Protein backbone atom coordinates (compact mmCIF):
# COMPACT_ATOMS: atom_id res chain seq x y z
CA MET A 1 0.03 -0.04 0.15
CA ILE A 2 1.09 3.56 -0.84
CA LYS A 3 1.76 5.66 2.31
CA GLN A 4 0.57 8.93 2.56
CA THR A 5 2.78 12.24 2.75
CA LEU A 6 1.27 14.76 5.15
CA LEU A 7 2.45 18.41 5.43
CA PHE A 8 1.38 20.92 8.04
CA GLY A 9 2.25 24.48 7.12
CA ASN A 10 0.06 26.37 9.57
CA ARG A 11 -0.89 26.17 13.35
CA ALA A 12 -1.91 22.77 14.27
CA TYR A 13 -2.23 20.54 17.27
CA LEU A 14 -1.31 16.94 16.55
CA SER A 15 -1.94 14.06 19.07
CA LEU A 16 -2.50 10.24 19.25
CA LYS A 17 -5.83 8.40 19.92
CA LEU A 18 -6.41 4.87 19.27
CA ASN A 19 -3.56 4.57 16.88
CA GLN A 20 -4.80 7.40 14.97
CA LEU A 21 -3.17 10.80 14.23
CA VAL A 22 -5.55 13.51 15.41
CA ILE A 23 -5.36 16.75 13.83
CA GLU A 24 -6.81 19.98 15.21
CA LEU A 25 -6.58 23.23 13.14
CA PRO A 26 -7.30 26.26 15.37
CA ASP A 27 -6.92 28.88 12.52
CA ILE A 28 -9.55 27.56 10.35
CA PRO A 29 -12.90 28.80 11.38
CA GLU A 30 -15.08 26.35 9.21
CA LYS A 31 -13.06 23.50 10.60
CA PRO A 32 -15.29 20.44 11.48
CA LYS A 33 -16.65 19.97 14.94
CA GLN A 34 -14.89 16.62 15.20
CA PRO A 35 -10.84 16.58 14.69
CA ILE A 36 -9.59 15.12 11.50
CA THR A 37 -7.98 11.73 11.99
CA ARG A 38 -5.61 9.56 9.96
CA PRO A 39 -4.44 6.06 10.66
CA ILE A 40 -0.91 6.07 11.65
CA GLU A 41 -0.07 2.89 9.74
CA ASP A 42 -1.15 4.77 6.35
CA ILE A 43 1.41 7.36 6.88
CA GLY A 44 4.77 7.34 5.25
CA ILE A 45 6.23 10.88 5.64
CA LEU A 46 4.93 13.76 7.85
CA ILE A 47 6.50 17.17 7.17
CA ILE A 48 6.22 19.79 9.99
CA GLU A 49 6.83 22.98 8.11
CA SER A 50 5.33 25.61 10.59
CA HIS A 51 6.85 26.39 13.81
CA GLN A 52 3.44 26.58 15.33
CA VAL A 53 2.77 22.98 15.07
CA THR A 54 2.45 21.18 18.44
CA LEU A 55 2.60 17.50 18.86
CA THR A 56 2.70 15.01 21.78
CA SER A 57 5.54 12.69 22.59
CA ALA A 58 3.03 9.87 22.33
CA LEU A 59 2.29 10.82 18.78
CA LEU A 60 5.99 11.07 17.94
CA SER A 61 6.75 7.66 19.46
CA SER A 62 3.80 5.99 17.54
CA LEU A 63 5.00 7.62 14.25
CA LEU A 64 8.63 6.30 14.70
CA GLU A 65 7.39 2.71 15.76
CA ASN A 66 5.41 2.64 12.46
CA ASN A 67 8.63 3.86 10.50
CA VAL A 68 7.17 7.16 9.69
CA ALA A 69 9.88 9.63 8.43
CA VAL A 70 9.24 12.90 10.22
CA ILE A 71 10.68 16.01 8.47
CA THR A 72 11.37 19.42 10.36
CA CYS A 73 11.88 22.73 8.53
CA ASP A 74 13.82 25.86 9.04
CA SER A 75 12.57 29.39 9.15
CA ARG A 76 12.57 29.49 5.29
CA HIS A 77 10.21 26.47 5.30
CA MET A 78 13.00 24.20 3.81
CA PRO A 79 13.49 20.73 5.39
CA ASN A 80 16.43 20.81 7.86
CA GLY A 81 15.89 17.58 9.79
CA LEU A 82 14.81 14.10 9.72
CA LEU A 83 13.67 11.65 12.43
CA LEU A 84 13.73 7.98 11.80
CA PRO A 85 13.29 4.94 14.25
CA LEU A 86 16.19 3.49 15.94
CA SER A 87 14.92 -0.11 14.98
CA GLY A 88 13.05 -0.82 11.84
CA ASN A 89 13.77 -4.58 11.27
CA THR A 90 13.43 -7.82 13.41
CA ILE A 91 16.96 -8.87 12.37
CA GLN A 92 18.51 -5.31 12.49
CA SER A 93 21.83 -6.16 14.35
CA GLU A 94 22.44 -8.93 11.78
CA ARG A 95 21.91 -6.64 8.87
CA TYR A 96 24.12 -4.07 10.60
CA LEU A 97 27.02 -6.43 10.91
CA ALA A 98 26.68 -7.44 7.19
CA GLN A 99 26.67 -3.80 6.24
CA ILE A 100 29.68 -2.90 8.42
CA SER A 101 31.58 -5.82 7.16
CA CYS A 102 31.10 -4.99 3.55
CA SER A 103 34.30 -5.20 1.66
CA LEU A 104 35.89 -2.28 -0.23
CA PRO A 105 35.70 -4.03 -3.51
CA LEU A 106 31.99 -4.62 -3.16
CA LYS A 107 31.24 -1.03 -2.08
CA LYS A 108 33.17 0.13 -5.27
CA GLN A 109 31.04 -2.25 -7.34
CA LEU A 110 27.88 -0.99 -5.93
CA TRP A 111 29.04 2.68 -6.35
CA GLN A 112 29.68 1.74 -10.02
CA GLN A 113 26.15 0.33 -10.41
CA THR A 114 24.84 3.36 -8.72
CA VAL A 115 26.58 5.86 -11.02
CA MET A 116 25.75 4.04 -14.08
CA SER A 117 22.06 4.02 -13.19
CA LYS A 118 22.00 7.84 -12.30
CA ILE A 119 23.80 8.84 -15.40
CA ALA A 120 21.53 6.63 -17.61
CA ASN A 121 18.40 8.16 -15.83
CA GLN A 122 19.74 11.71 -16.27
CA GLY A 123 20.36 11.06 -20.05
CA GLU A 124 16.75 10.09 -20.38
CA VAL A 125 15.47 13.46 -18.80
CA LEU A 126 17.78 15.32 -21.07
CA LYS A 127 16.05 13.46 -23.95
CA ILE A 128 12.60 14.37 -22.44
CA TRP A 129 13.25 17.95 -22.16
CA ASN A 130 15.67 18.74 -25.00
CA ASN A 131 14.17 16.53 -27.52
CA LYS A 132 17.38 15.31 -28.50
CA GLU A 133 19.84 12.28 -27.83
CA SER A 134 22.56 12.78 -25.46
CA LYS A 135 25.07 10.20 -26.59
CA CYS A 136 27.74 11.18 -24.31
CA MET A 137 25.64 10.17 -21.22
CA ALA A 138 24.86 6.92 -22.71
CA VAL A 139 28.69 6.40 -23.33
CA TRP A 140 29.57 7.67 -19.82
CA SER A 141 27.00 5.29 -18.19
CA ARG A 142 28.55 2.30 -20.04
CA ASN A 143 32.07 3.15 -19.25
CA VAL A 144 31.92 3.71 -15.41
CA LYS A 145 34.42 1.54 -13.73
CA SER A 146 34.37 0.00 -10.17
CA GLY A 147 34.44 2.79 -7.79
CA ASP A 148 34.12 5.55 -10.58
CA PRO A 149 37.98 6.48 -10.47
CA ASP A 150 37.38 8.71 -13.62
CA ASN A 151 34.52 10.67 -11.89
CA LEU A 152 32.25 10.18 -14.68
CA GLU A 153 29.47 10.98 -12.36
CA GLY A 154 30.97 14.49 -12.02
CA ARG A 155 31.46 14.90 -15.81
CA ALA A 156 27.89 13.76 -16.52
CA ALA A 157 26.43 16.12 -13.86
CA ALA A 158 28.29 19.08 -15.25
CA PHE A 159 26.99 18.24 -18.70
CA TYR A 160 23.52 17.55 -17.53
CA TRP A 161 22.83 20.85 -15.74
CA ARG A 162 24.34 22.82 -18.54
CA ASN A 163 21.81 21.26 -20.94
CA ILE A 164 18.76 20.61 -18.91
CA PHE A 165 17.40 24.18 -19.41
CA ILE A 166 17.07 25.13 -23.06
CA GLU A 167 15.37 28.64 -21.99
CA ASN A 168 18.19 29.40 -19.32
CA PRO A 169 21.46 27.87 -20.58
CA HIS A 170 23.27 30.01 -17.64
CA PHE A 171 21.56 28.06 -14.83
CA THR A 172 23.70 26.96 -12.10
CA ARG A 173 22.77 24.25 -9.63
CA GLN A 174 23.08 25.60 -6.13
CA ARG A 175 21.80 24.32 -2.76
CA ASP A 176 21.00 27.68 -0.98
CA ALA A 177 19.50 29.70 -3.88
CA ASP A 178 16.06 30.97 -3.66
CA ASP A 179 15.36 30.61 -7.43
CA CYS A 180 14.02 27.50 -9.08
CA ASN A 181 16.94 25.76 -7.25
CA ALA A 182 14.62 25.74 -4.18
CA LEU A 183 12.27 23.35 -5.92
CA PHE A 184 15.10 21.06 -6.57
CA ASN A 185 16.17 21.22 -2.98
CA TYR A 186 12.76 20.63 -1.67
CA GLY A 187 12.17 17.61 -3.90
CA TYR A 188 15.40 16.11 -2.99
CA ALA A 189 14.74 16.60 0.89
CA ILE A 190 11.36 14.52 0.26
CA LEU A 191 13.30 11.97 -1.79
CA ARG A 192 15.92 11.62 0.78
CA ALA A 193 13.31 10.91 3.56
CA VAL A 194 11.71 8.14 1.32
CA ILE A 195 15.16 6.38 0.64
CA ALA A 196 16.15 6.70 4.35
CA ARG A 197 12.77 5.28 5.49
CA ALA A 198 13.18 2.39 3.17
CA LEU A 199 16.84 1.61 4.21
CA VAL A 200 15.78 1.56 8.00
CA GLY A 201 12.85 -0.71 6.95
CA SER A 202 15.47 -3.00 5.36
CA GLY A 203 17.41 -3.14 8.59
CA LEU A 204 20.24 -1.03 7.23
CA LEU A 205 21.96 1.79 8.87
CA PRO A 206 21.45 4.97 6.81
CA THR A 207 24.58 6.73 8.36
CA LEU A 208 27.12 4.18 6.86
CA GLY A 209 27.46 4.91 3.20
CA ILE A 210 29.05 2.80 0.20
CA HIS A 211 30.43 6.14 -1.14
CA HIS A 212 29.59 9.26 0.76
CA HIS A 213 31.41 9.60 3.89
CA ASN A 214 31.11 12.97 5.41
CA ARG A 215 31.65 12.78 9.06
CA TYR A 216 29.06 15.33 9.78
CA ASN A 217 26.20 13.39 7.65
CA ALA A 218 24.02 11.04 9.37
CA TYR A 219 22.62 9.90 6.11
CA CYS A 220 25.47 9.07 3.77
CA LEU A 221 23.84 5.74 2.50
CA ALA A 222 20.57 7.58 1.89
CA ASP A 223 22.57 10.02 -0.16
CA ASP A 224 24.15 7.15 -2.14
CA ILE A 225 21.05 5.23 -2.90
CA MET A 226 19.03 8.21 -3.77
CA GLU A 227 21.33 9.16 -6.62
CA PRO A 228 19.59 7.14 -9.55
CA TYR A 229 16.28 8.50 -8.20
CA ARG A 230 17.02 12.18 -8.38
CA PRO A 231 16.22 12.51 -12.05
CA TYR A 232 12.67 11.58 -11.12
CA VAL A 233 12.61 14.59 -8.99
CA ASP A 234 14.37 16.75 -11.71
CA ASN A 235 11.46 15.70 -14.13
CA VAL A 236 8.75 16.80 -11.69
CA VAL A 237 10.41 20.24 -11.17
CA MET A 238 10.88 20.48 -14.96
CA GLU A 239 7.25 20.00 -15.44
CA ILE A 240 6.48 22.82 -12.95
CA ILE A 241 8.99 25.19 -14.55
CA ARG A 242 7.84 24.48 -18.08
CA GLU A 243 4.26 25.39 -16.73
CA HIS A 244 5.26 28.42 -14.61
CA GLY A 245 8.70 29.41 -15.98
CA THR A 246 12.06 29.76 -14.09
CA ASP A 247 11.10 32.76 -12.03
CA ILE A 248 9.02 30.83 -9.59
CA SER A 249 8.91 30.64 -5.85
CA LEU A 250 8.18 27.66 -3.54
CA THR A 251 4.31 28.25 -2.93
CA PRO A 252 1.94 25.85 -1.22
CA ALA A 253 0.53 24.87 -4.64
CA ILE A 254 4.01 24.21 -5.78
CA LYS A 255 4.85 22.12 -2.73
CA LYS A 256 1.67 20.15 -3.25
CA LYS A 257 2.93 19.11 -6.62
CA LEU A 258 6.33 18.04 -5.05
CA LEU A 259 4.74 16.09 -2.37
CA THR A 260 3.51 13.75 -5.19
CA ILE A 261 7.10 12.48 -5.61
CA PRO A 262 6.67 9.26 -3.51
CA THR A 263 3.69 8.21 -5.65
CA ILE A 264 5.32 8.70 -9.00
CA ASP A 265 5.24 5.63 -11.22
CA VAL A 266 8.60 4.21 -11.89
CA LYS A 267 9.80 1.07 -13.85
CA ILE A 268 11.96 -1.18 -11.56
CA GLY A 269 12.99 -4.62 -13.17
CA LYS A 270 10.00 -5.80 -15.09
CA LEU A 271 7.46 -4.01 -12.91
CA THR A 272 5.93 -0.55 -12.64
CA ARG A 273 5.65 0.71 -8.99
CA PRO A 274 5.16 3.85 -7.06
CA LEU A 275 8.49 5.40 -6.15
CA MET A 276 8.02 4.73 -2.43
CA ILE A 277 7.42 1.07 -3.21
CA ALA A 278 10.47 0.93 -5.55
CA ALA A 279 12.68 2.47 -2.85
CA THR A 280 11.83 -0.58 -0.54
CA MET A 281 12.70 -2.96 -3.54
CA THR A 282 16.04 -1.14 -3.98
CA SER A 283 17.01 -1.05 -0.16
CA ALA A 284 16.03 -4.71 -0.02
CA SER A 285 18.34 -5.59 -2.95
CA LEU A 286 21.03 -3.77 -1.13
CA SER A 287 20.55 -5.70 1.94
CA LYS A 288 20.91 -8.97 -0.17
CA CYS A 289 24.17 -7.57 -1.51
CA PHE A 290 25.66 -6.75 1.88
CA ASN A 291 24.59 -10.39 2.91
CA GLY A 292 26.36 -11.91 0.09
CA GLU A 293 23.05 -13.25 -1.58
CA SER A 294 23.31 -10.96 -4.60
CA ARG A 295 25.74 -8.66 -6.26
CA LYS A 296 23.38 -6.22 -8.01
CA ILE A 297 21.20 -3.33 -6.64
CA LEU A 298 17.81 -3.02 -8.05
CA TYR A 299 17.32 0.48 -9.32
CA PRO A 300 14.62 2.04 -11.25
CA GLU A 301 14.61 3.29 -15.00
CA ILE A 302 13.10 6.53 -16.29
CA ILE A 303 9.66 5.68 -18.19
CA CYS A 304 8.44 9.17 -18.67
CA LYS A 305 6.99 10.17 -22.23
CA GLN A 306 8.63 12.96 -24.19
CA GLN A 307 7.14 16.49 -23.70
CA GLY A 308 5.59 18.24 -26.44
């Protein structure tokens, strides 16, 4: 079942009753007499954007027990924190040991697969929005070596961001810009939560990456595994920009569109599944790699139609 993504951008009181999220909205005069309720088990991601949201500790505990990713936001309404459960799998300690014991050659092979998939999906996005073949992306994807010693990921990324905007060839990808970069950043934050949640559900430690290893990053593995999924976020953002232009702000309507990212249909193997479900398939396949049951991570392929 596809889990719901809930965002609270205004003052609200959130509590728990009979395994239900109870929502009270004091700023809405026409609010129903009875509080709004949502089953905890149906929630996948909960985003607390407003600093006037109050929630009980009982609710927070229940959310984490049900592997709900809870995202907090800063004063600019941009995600700045992610809460996940300490235990998300019945054999978590066994999975942790297998992950920690992963050899360097295997890590390099897994990163090779990750980069190959990411570049291939980026190439498809360029085809969708530029209506032309990007042969260099296909070549780079095929030629990635174990561990990517030639940094083809970086070369492909530079080419990708130079060519994704036909209307704005001088676009620069930045993490803190307030232009359309904010849309990418917001979408990636949602994606990161989806991937981290899936990893925890598979009994993996999202901190211990196969490539990323920043000492201050608690989600290195999530940042690794989300790479081939990023082009799906890019495609959603490009749809928004094509409709509204590049001079666009992160309005509630735009956020609503970005919140559909977990439900995007993706092709993974021979199946078509919502992105959130695909993420669990990817994390499960990664766990098998750590356990020695497989040597291949199951990543999705872009299946979007070209835009007119």
